[in-house]
Structure formats: C-alpha cells, structure tokens
Amino acid sequence: MTTQSTSVERILGFVTESGHTFGTVEVAYETFGRLNSDRSNAVLIEHALTGDTSVTEWWAGVVGPGEAIDTDEYFVVCANSLGGCSGTTGPQSVYDDGLPYGSRFPAVTIRDMARLEHNLGQILGIDSWHAVIGGSMGGARALEFALLDKRKVKKCAIIAAPAFCEADQIAWAMMQERAIELDPDYYSGDYTAVGRFPAQGLGLARQIAHLTYRNDADLNHRFSRRRRSPDYYEVTSYLDHQAKKLTARFDPHSYVVLSRALRDHDVRMGRCHDLATSLADACTDNLVVSVSSDRLFPPAQVELLAQNLPGAVTHHVIESEVGHDGFLTETATVSAALKDFLSA
C-alpha cells in the first residue's frame, strides 16, 4: 500500500521578488510513496490555480498506485503554493499583530513559488528530482522550478501552460480580480478582520474563469438552450454550481494573489527578451502538452514554448472538446503521455 503523509515545514527569512521578507513561511505539502535508497525517484507535482496538495484526488487516474505517476514506484511531493489557502502561508495567515495578513500580503510571483519549493526539497533531502510536472499555473511553476537549477531536475512536464501570458489572458484575469474587488464585502482584502466574506465576488470570478476553462463546443453540447425555468438556463445553473463549490473552499484574496502571479508570468522577466535564450538553462528532457480546444492557453501559444526549449522536447496535443480543463478530464491521454515520458 502506498504511504501517504501530510506535513508542514517552516522556512525562515524567505524574500520575495517584490522585496518582502517573511520571518517564517509555512509550507504545507503531502507526500505519496517512499523515497528510495539513492533518492532518485522523487517527483514534484505542481497544482493549478485553485488546486491543493491532494493530488491523488484532483488528478485521480493519473497519480496513484499503478497509475502513470505510480506512487508505488515514485516518491510524489505536492506542495500548496505560496499565497494559497490550503496550509501554506497566504493572506489568511496570521501577521505579527495577530490579525490576518489580508491586504498586507505581498505580491508573489511564479518564480517565488518555485524558489520556495526548492527550499522544501532541501529540507526533504532531495538533491535531484526525477521529474517536475504541472498543469496550467502548475505548468508555469514546473517550468520555473526547472529553470532555477536544471541540475536538480532530470525531466520536466509542462501541461497546458505557456512561457508567458499575453494580453488575452491578462484581460480575463483583470475581470476576475475586478469581480472580487468590487464586492462590497471585500474591504481591500481585509474582510476577515471585519467579519465579512466576499462570496458574490469570488463566485463571479470563478464563473468568468470557468468560461476560459471550458470550450464553447463543450458547453453547447452539454447544455444547448435547455432551461430549468423560464428565466434560468441549464448552463447558468452549471456556472452557479461552480461558483458555490469554490466559495465553500477557497479564500478570495488568495484568488487575487495567485491570479496576479499567473497573469504576470513571463519566463523572460529578469533573463532575456529572446525566449530561446531565456530558456537556455531549462531542463533538457521536456514534455510539453497542449489541449486542442484550449481557449485560455491556445495550442499555438503552448507550442511556442516547446519550440524554444533546449534539448529533447516532445510536444503532445490532447484532442479534446472540453477545453483547458482537458488536462484534468482526459486522464487516459494524459496518463499515456506521462507514462512514456517518465519511463524513457
């Protein structure tokens, strides 16, 4: 039976790219399986924007005993991102004055998240990762993780994520942030201190985001013009359901912090304007996966990353009508690509 463990590590004096110094950062993570004697079987999995450490749940069929990322073979680590709300330090963590950080939580970057996970790897005694794997925001984190020190990463799998966000993604992110910020219960992120919660804003942000996660063909096929009542469509009910699910488990200001980090993602930042040059220090064994119907990160944008990575690069396109979420729903196709990649 695969061993599973949930833990929290404390990292002292972590400095963000924005210049903020955390006295202590808590990093929540789960591990699955066992580290082998020569510590060569570690796999880091990076979750997406509103994901968490329970990777065998949100990527069931891909991660677990006997799956493509076999927890009987690999020692799998999944950490909650900096700025999140599932155990790692974020806006609802307690500040020095005993109140939540709230609006005082600093801007964080995808690179900050990756640097923090490098520190976690050191604590776990992992000098080299067999692979780092992530989808969507997790793909951006995986890429940055490998770029920080390619000697520590044998293989890198970037799924449904580009080298940098463009105007279209920035525009979608702006609408989601505004939806939360315009909720009168938001209080600039300090809603907990006054006993409020901007559920309406977070719910609307999730609905906007979900329209980028799913393709129009998928929505049209599943819901068409069917109604539940004269003024209530089936697709509206579906979006309301998505909103309620997220507001029950996620922090609105974490959503803003993480959305901004992904919005600002650009591997060229602080490196070189030329993409190939910026990626020259990346891992030299890469799998890049795009989804054919993805309208958040279209295949051509993801392919641009594949074209500029060094070394051996496999670009695999998932044929799916689902859209961006195809990297989560098309588990058989994703599993086949990852299994071949990890065993090569």
Protein backbone atom coordinates (compact mmCIF):
# COMPACT_ATOMS: atom_id res chain seq x y z
CA MET A 1 0.00 0.00 0.00
CA THR A 2 1.27 3.49 -0.89
CA THR A 3 2.38 5.53 2.11
CA GLN A 4 0.77 8.97 2.38
CA SER A 5 1.85 11.80 4.67
CA THR A 6 0.64 15.38 5.27
CA SER A 7 3.20 17.80 6.70
CA VAL A 8 4.13 21.44 7.21
CA GLU A 9 7.70 22.79 7.06
CA ARG A 10 8.81 26.22 8.28
CA ILE A 11 11.28 28.22 6.21
CA LEU A 12 12.93 31.26 7.78
CA GLY A 13 13.75 34.59 6.16
CA PHE A 14 12.24 33.97 2.74
CA VAL A 15 12.49 37.07 0.50
CA THR A 16 10.08 37.57 -2.40
CA GLU A 17 10.96 39.16 -5.72
CA SER A 18 8.87 42.16 -4.61
CA GLY A 19 11.32 42.65 -1.72
CA HIS A 20 9.13 41.45 1.16
CA THR A 21 10.86 39.35 3.83
CA PHE A 22 8.81 36.73 5.61
CA GLY A 23 10.10 35.95 9.09
CA THR A 24 8.66 32.47 8.66
CA VAL A 25 6.87 30.82 5.76
CA GLU A 26 4.90 27.66 6.44
CA VAL A 27 4.78 25.22 3.52
CA ALA A 28 2.04 22.60 3.56
CA TYR A 29 2.65 19.51 1.45
CA GLU A 30 1.67 15.89 1.00
CA THR A 31 3.89 13.00 0.03
CA PHE A 32 2.88 9.69 -1.52
CA GLY A 33 5.12 6.65 -1.68
CA ARG A 34 8.64 6.29 -0.35
CA LEU A 35 11.95 7.87 -1.28
CA ASN A 36 14.30 5.11 -2.45
CA SER A 37 17.75 4.48 -1.06
CA ASP A 38 19.62 6.64 -3.58
CA ARG A 39 16.90 9.35 -3.52
CA SER A 40 16.43 9.18 -7.27
CA ASN A 41 12.67 8.59 -7.52
CA ALA A 42 11.25 11.94 -6.35
CA VAL A 43 8.54 13.57 -8.48
CA LEU A 44 7.24 17.05 -7.74
CA ILE A 45 3.70 17.81 -8.91
CA GLU A 46 2.57 21.43 -9.13
CA HIS A 47 -1.14 22.17 -8.70
CA ALA A 48 -3.20 24.66 -10.71
CA LEU A 49 -4.63 28.00 -9.52
CA THR A 50 -7.23 26.72 -7.06
CA GLY A 51 -5.67 23.29 -6.52
CA ASP A 52 -4.24 21.85 -3.34
CA THR A 53 -1.89 19.15 -2.11
CA SER A 54 -4.35 16.25 -2.55
CA VAL A 55 -3.05 15.32 -5.98
CA THR A 56 -4.38 11.74 -5.90
CA GLU A 57 -7.87 13.25 -5.66
CA TRP A 58 -7.80 16.07 -8.21
CA TRP A 59 -5.68 14.03 -10.64
CA ALA A 60 -7.24 10.64 -9.98
CA GLY A 61 -6.42 8.26 -12.81
CA VAL A 62 -3.05 9.94 -13.35
CA VAL A 63 -1.44 9.81 -9.87
CA GLY A 64 -1.72 6.85 -7.53
CA PRO A 65 -0.78 3.19 -7.12
CA GLY A 66 -0.37 1.62 -10.56
CA GLU A 67 -1.15 4.88 -12.39
CA ALA A 68 1.12 6.75 -14.83
CA ILE A 69 2.71 8.58 -11.90
CA ASP A 70 2.89 5.42 -9.85
CA THR A 71 3.09 6.14 -6.13
CA ASP A 72 4.35 2.58 -5.59
CA GLU A 73 7.36 3.48 -7.77
CA TYR A 74 7.84 7.21 -7.24
CA PHE A 75 8.04 9.42 -4.17
CA VAL A 76 5.49 12.08 -5.10
CA VAL A 77 5.51 15.51 -3.45
CA CYS A 78 2.76 18.09 -3.88
CA ALA A 79 3.03 21.42 -2.03
CA ASN A 80 0.46 24.17 -1.65
CA SER A 81 1.62 27.34 -3.40
CA LEU A 82 2.86 30.43 -1.59
CA GLY A 83 -0.13 32.78 -1.28
CA GLY A 84 -2.59 29.90 -1.24
CA CYS A 85 -5.14 28.91 1.35
CA SER A 86 -4.52 25.21 1.92
CA GLY A 87 -1.87 25.38 4.61
CA THR A 88 0.99 27.36 3.05
CA THR A 89 1.42 30.97 4.16
CA GLY A 90 -1.15 33.19 2.45
CA PRO A 91 -3.42 36.19 3.05
CA GLN A 92 -5.33 34.45 5.86
CA SER A 93 -2.15 33.55 7.75
CA VAL A 94 -1.58 35.46 10.97
CA TYR A 95 0.57 38.59 10.77
CA ASP A 96 2.73 39.98 13.59
CA ASP A 97 -0.20 41.87 15.14
CA GLY A 98 -2.31 38.73 15.50
CA LEU A 99 -4.62 39.58 12.59
CA PRO A 100 -4.59 38.00 9.13
CA TYR A 101 -2.24 39.50 6.55
CA GLY A 102 -5.21 40.46 4.37
CA SER A 103 -4.29 43.42 2.17
CA ARG A 104 -0.78 43.46 3.67
CA PHE A 105 0.11 40.17 1.98
CA PRO A 106 2.84 40.95 -0.58
CA ALA A 107 2.78 40.33 -4.31
CA VAL A 108 4.28 36.94 -5.11
CA THR A 109 5.46 35.50 -8.40
CA ILE A 110 5.52 32.08 -10.00
CA ARG A 111 9.28 32.21 -9.51
CA ASP A 112 8.81 32.89 -5.78
CA MET A 113 6.67 29.76 -5.54
CA ALA A 114 9.33 27.70 -7.33
CA ARG A 115 12.14 29.09 -5.15
CA LEU A 116 10.21 28.20 -2.01
CA GLU A 117 9.77 24.64 -3.28
CA HIS A 118 13.49 24.38 -3.94
CA ASN A 119 13.93 25.18 -0.24
CA LEU A 120 11.40 22.47 0.61
CA GLY A 121 13.37 19.98 -1.49
CA GLN A 122 16.50 20.78 0.51
CA ILE A 123 14.65 20.14 3.77
CA LEU A 124 13.41 16.80 2.41
CA GLY A 125 16.95 15.86 1.42
CA ILE A 126 16.16 15.69 -2.29
CA ASP A 127 19.17 16.79 -4.34
CA SER A 128 17.71 15.71 -7.68
CA TRP A 129 14.13 15.29 -8.89
CA HIS A 130 13.33 12.54 -11.36
CA ALA A 131 10.63 14.87 -12.70
CA VAL A 132 8.69 18.03 -12.01
CA ILE A 133 5.20 18.07 -13.52
CA GLY A 134 2.39 20.62 -13.57
CA GLY A 135 -0.69 21.76 -15.44
CA SER A 136 -1.96 25.32 -16.04
CA MET A 137 -0.50 27.50 -13.26
CA GLY A 138 1.25 24.33 -12.13
CA GLY A 139 2.88 24.08 -15.55
CA ALA A 140 4.25 27.60 -15.17
CA ARG A 141 5.59 26.64 -11.74
CA ALA A 142 7.17 23.45 -13.11
CA LEU A 143 8.95 25.42 -15.83
CA GLU A 144 10.29 28.00 -13.37
CA PHE A 145 11.34 25.25 -10.96
CA ALA A 146 13.44 23.59 -13.65
CA LEU A 147 14.88 26.92 -14.82
CA LEU A 148 16.12 27.80 -11.34
CA ASP A 149 18.56 24.87 -11.33
CA LYS A 150 18.45 22.37 -14.20
CA ARG A 151 20.97 20.16 -12.39
CA LYS A 152 18.24 19.30 -9.89
CA VAL A 153 15.64 18.23 -12.48
CA LYS A 154 16.02 15.25 -14.81
CA LYS A 155 12.66 15.68 -16.60
CA CYS A 156 10.12 18.49 -16.83
CA ALA A 157 6.50 18.14 -17.99
CA ILE A 158 4.62 21.37 -18.70
CA ILE A 159 0.94 20.84 -19.41
CA ALA A 160 -1.50 23.45 -20.77
CA ALA A 161 0.80 26.33 -19.87
CA PRO A 162 2.83 28.84 -21.94
CA ALA A 163 6.18 30.55 -21.46
CA PHE A 164 4.39 33.82 -20.72
CA CYS A 165 0.87 35.21 -20.51
CA GLU A 166 -0.36 37.52 -23.26
CA ALA A 167 -2.98 40.28 -23.45
CA ASP A 168 -5.94 37.92 -23.72
CA GLN A 169 -5.03 36.06 -20.51
CA ILE A 170 -4.27 39.33 -18.75
CA ALA A 171 -7.71 40.66 -19.74
CA TRP A 172 -9.52 37.56 -18.41
CA ALA A 173 -7.56 37.81 -15.14
CA MET A 174 -8.42 41.51 -14.79
CA MET A 175 -12.16 40.78 -15.00
CA GLN A 176 -11.89 38.12 -12.30
CA GLU A 177 -9.92 40.39 -9.99
CA ARG A 178 -12.38 43.24 -10.52
CA ALA A 179 -15.31 40.95 -9.72
CA ILE A 180 -13.79 40.27 -6.29
CA GLU A 181 -12.57 43.81 -5.66
CA LEU A 182 -15.97 45.36 -6.44
CA ASP A 183 -17.78 43.13 -3.95
CA PRO A 184 -18.68 45.49 -1.05
CA ASP A 185 -17.63 42.75 1.40
CA TYR A 186 -14.07 42.65 0.06
CA TYR A 187 -12.68 45.59 2.10
CA SER A 188 -9.48 45.66 0.01
CA GLY A 189 -8.69 42.14 1.22
CA ASP A 190 -9.29 42.81 4.92
CA TYR A 191 -12.75 41.24 5.07
CA THR A 192 -11.83 38.70 7.77
CA ALA A 193 -10.87 41.45 10.20
CA VAL A 194 -14.39 42.92 9.92
CA GLY A 195 -16.22 39.60 9.83
CA ARG A 196 -17.17 39.64 6.14
CA PHE A 197 -16.61 37.34 3.16
CA PRO A 198 -16.96 38.47 -0.49
CA ALA A 199 -18.71 35.32 -1.69
CA GLN A 200 -20.52 37.04 -4.55
CA GLY A 201 -17.30 38.47 -5.97
CA LEU A 202 -15.38 35.21 -5.68
CA GLY A 203 -18.28 33.29 -7.19
CA LEU A 204 -18.48 35.63 -10.17
CA ALA A 205 -14.71 35.43 -10.64
CA ARG A 206 -14.97 31.65 -10.75
CA GLN A 207 -17.76 31.80 -13.32
CA ILE A 208 -15.70 34.10 -15.55
CA ALA A 209 -12.69 31.80 -15.19
CA HIS A 210 -14.73 28.71 -15.93
CA LEU A 211 -15.69 30.11 -19.31
CA THR A 212 -11.98 30.02 -20.18
CA TYR A 213 -11.54 26.52 -18.73
CA ARG A 214 -14.27 25.02 -20.93
CA ASN A 215 -14.69 25.30 -24.68
CA ASP A 216 -17.81 26.69 -26.37
CA ALA A 217 -18.37 23.38 -28.17
CA ASP A 218 -18.34 21.55 -24.84
CA LEU A 219 -20.84 23.94 -23.25
CA ASN A 220 -23.11 23.91 -26.31
CA HIS A 221 -23.10 20.11 -26.46
CA ARG A 222 -23.76 19.63 -22.75
CA PHE A 223 -26.40 22.32 -22.20
CA SER A 224 -27.66 23.68 -25.53
CA ARG A 225 -30.56 26.09 -24.85
CA ARG A 226 -32.21 23.94 -22.19
CA ARG A 227 -33.83 25.77 -19.27
CA ARG A 228 -34.63 24.85 -15.69
CA SER A 229 -37.25 27.58 -15.50
CA PRO A 230 -38.41 30.35 -17.87
CA ASP A 231 -35.54 32.66 -16.84
CA TYR A 232 -32.93 30.11 -15.75
CA TYR A 233 -30.83 28.17 -18.25
CA GLU A 234 -29.07 24.87 -17.57
CA VAL A 235 -25.70 26.45 -18.33
CA THR A 236 -26.47 29.17 -15.78
CA SER A 237 -27.21 26.51 -13.18
CA TYR A 238 -23.90 24.84 -14.03
CA LEU A 239 -21.96 28.08 -13.55
CA ASP A 240 -23.78 28.80 -10.28
CA HIS A 241 -22.77 25.34 -9.08
CA GLN A 242 -19.13 26.02 -9.93
CA ALA A 243 -19.29 29.30 -8.01
CA LYS A 244 -20.78 27.68 -4.90
CA LYS A 245 -18.18 24.91 -4.90
CA LEU A 246 -15.28 27.35 -4.94
CA THR A 247 -16.68 29.82 -2.38
CA ALA A 248 -17.09 26.91 0.04
CA ARG A 249 -13.38 26.06 -0.03
CA PHE A 250 -11.25 28.97 -1.26
CA ASP A 251 -10.08 32.33 0.03
CA PRO A 252 -10.97 35.34 -2.17
CA HIS A 253 -7.75 37.27 -1.55
CA SER A 254 -5.67 34.16 -2.25
CA TYR A 255 -7.54 34.00 -5.55
CA VAL A 256 -6.48 37.58 -6.30
CA VAL A 257 -2.85 36.99 -5.26
CA LEU A 258 -2.49 33.79 -7.30
CA SER A 259 -4.34 35.18 -10.33
CA ARG A 260 -1.97 38.13 -10.42
CA ALA A 261 1.05 35.82 -10.16
CA LEU A 262 -0.13 33.80 -13.15
CA ARG A 263 -1.15 36.95 -15.05
CA ASP A 264 2.37 38.35 -14.61
CA HIS A 265 4.11 35.09 -15.51
CA ASP A 266 6.88 35.58 -18.10
CA VAL A 267 9.99 33.39 -18.06
CA ARG A 268 11.86 36.17 -19.88
CA MET A 269 11.49 38.55 -16.93
CA GLY A 270 14.92 39.22 -15.45
CA ARG A 271 16.55 36.94 -18.01
CA CYS A 272 16.47 37.96 -21.68
CA HIS A 273 13.86 39.30 -24.10
CA ASP A 274 14.71 36.50 -26.51
CA LEU A 275 12.67 33.45 -25.48
CA ALA A 276 15.15 30.77 -26.58
CA THR A 277 17.95 32.50 -24.69
CA SER A 278 15.77 32.80 -21.58
CA LEU A 279 15.03 29.08 -21.74
CA ALA A 280 18.62 28.00 -22.44
CA ASP A 281 19.15 26.90 -18.83
CA ALA A 282 15.97 24.81 -18.71
CA CYS A 283 15.85 21.06 -18.25
CA THR A 284 16.99 19.23 -21.39
CA ASP A 285 14.35 16.47 -21.31
CA ASN A 286 10.94 18.08 -21.67
CA LEU A 287 7.35 17.11 -22.34
CA VAL A 288 5.02 19.93 -23.40
CA VAL A 289 1.31 19.15 -23.62
CA SER A 290 -1.40 21.36 -25.08
CA VAL A 291 -5.16 20.82 -25.43
CA SER A 292 -6.58 21.16 -28.93
CA SER A 293 -9.64 23.15 -27.81
CA ASP A 294 -7.95 25.23 -25.08
CA ARG A 295 -9.11 28.85 -25.31
CA LEU A 296 -7.26 30.00 -22.20
CA PHE A 297 -3.80 28.89 -23.39
CA PRO A 298 -4.28 28.00 -27.07
CA PRO A 299 -2.14 25.20 -28.56
CA ALA A 300 -0.09 27.62 -30.68
CA GLN A 301 0.94 29.57 -27.58
CA VAL A 302 1.96 26.40 -25.77
CA GLU A 303 3.74 25.12 -28.87
CA LEU A 304 5.85 28.30 -28.89
CA LEU A 305 7.27 27.17 -25.56
CA ALA A 306 8.04 23.72 -26.97
CA GLN A 307 9.82 25.25 -29.97
CA ASN A 308 12.17 27.25 -27.75
CA LEU A 309 13.08 24.76 -25.04
CA PRO A 310 16.56 23.20 -25.25
CA GLY A 311 17.41 19.53 -25.56
CA ALA A 312 14.86 16.80 -26.17
CA VAL A 313 11.33 18.17 -26.40
CA THR A 314 8.16 16.20 -27.04
CA HIS A 315 5.07 18.25 -27.85
CA HIS A 316 1.87 16.28 -27.40
CA VAL A 317 -1.58 17.64 -28.28
CA ILE A 318 -4.59 16.28 -26.37
CA GLU A 319 -7.51 16.05 -28.78
CA SER A 320 -10.50 17.13 -26.74
CA GLU A 321 -13.62 19.29 -26.98
CA VAL A 322 -13.51 20.06 -23.27
CA GLY A 323 -11.10 22.99 -23.46
CA HIS A 324 -8.39 23.95 -20.97
CA ASP A 325 -9.71 21.52 -18.34
CA GLY A 326 -8.87 18.69 -20.75
CA PHE A 327 -5.58 18.26 -18.87
CA LEU A 328 -7.70 17.20 -15.86
CA THR A 329 -10.52 15.33 -17.60
CA GLU A 330 -8.70 13.43 -20.38
CA THR A 331 -6.89 11.24 -17.89
CA ALA A 332 -6.24 8.31 -20.25
CA THR A 333 -4.48 10.50 -22.82
CA VAL A 334 -2.53 12.45 -20.21
CA SER A 335 -1.54 9.24 -18.44
CA ALA A 336 -0.24 7.64 -21.64
CA ALA A 337 1.92 10.67 -22.45
CA LEU A 338 3.30 10.91 -18.91
CA LYS A 339 3.97 7.19 -18.57
CA ASP A 340 6.04 7.12 -21.75
CA PHE A 341 7.87 10.28 -20.74
CA LEU A 342 8.75 9.18 -17.22
CA SER A 343 9.99 5.75 -18.27
CA ALA A 344 12.08 6.90 -21.25
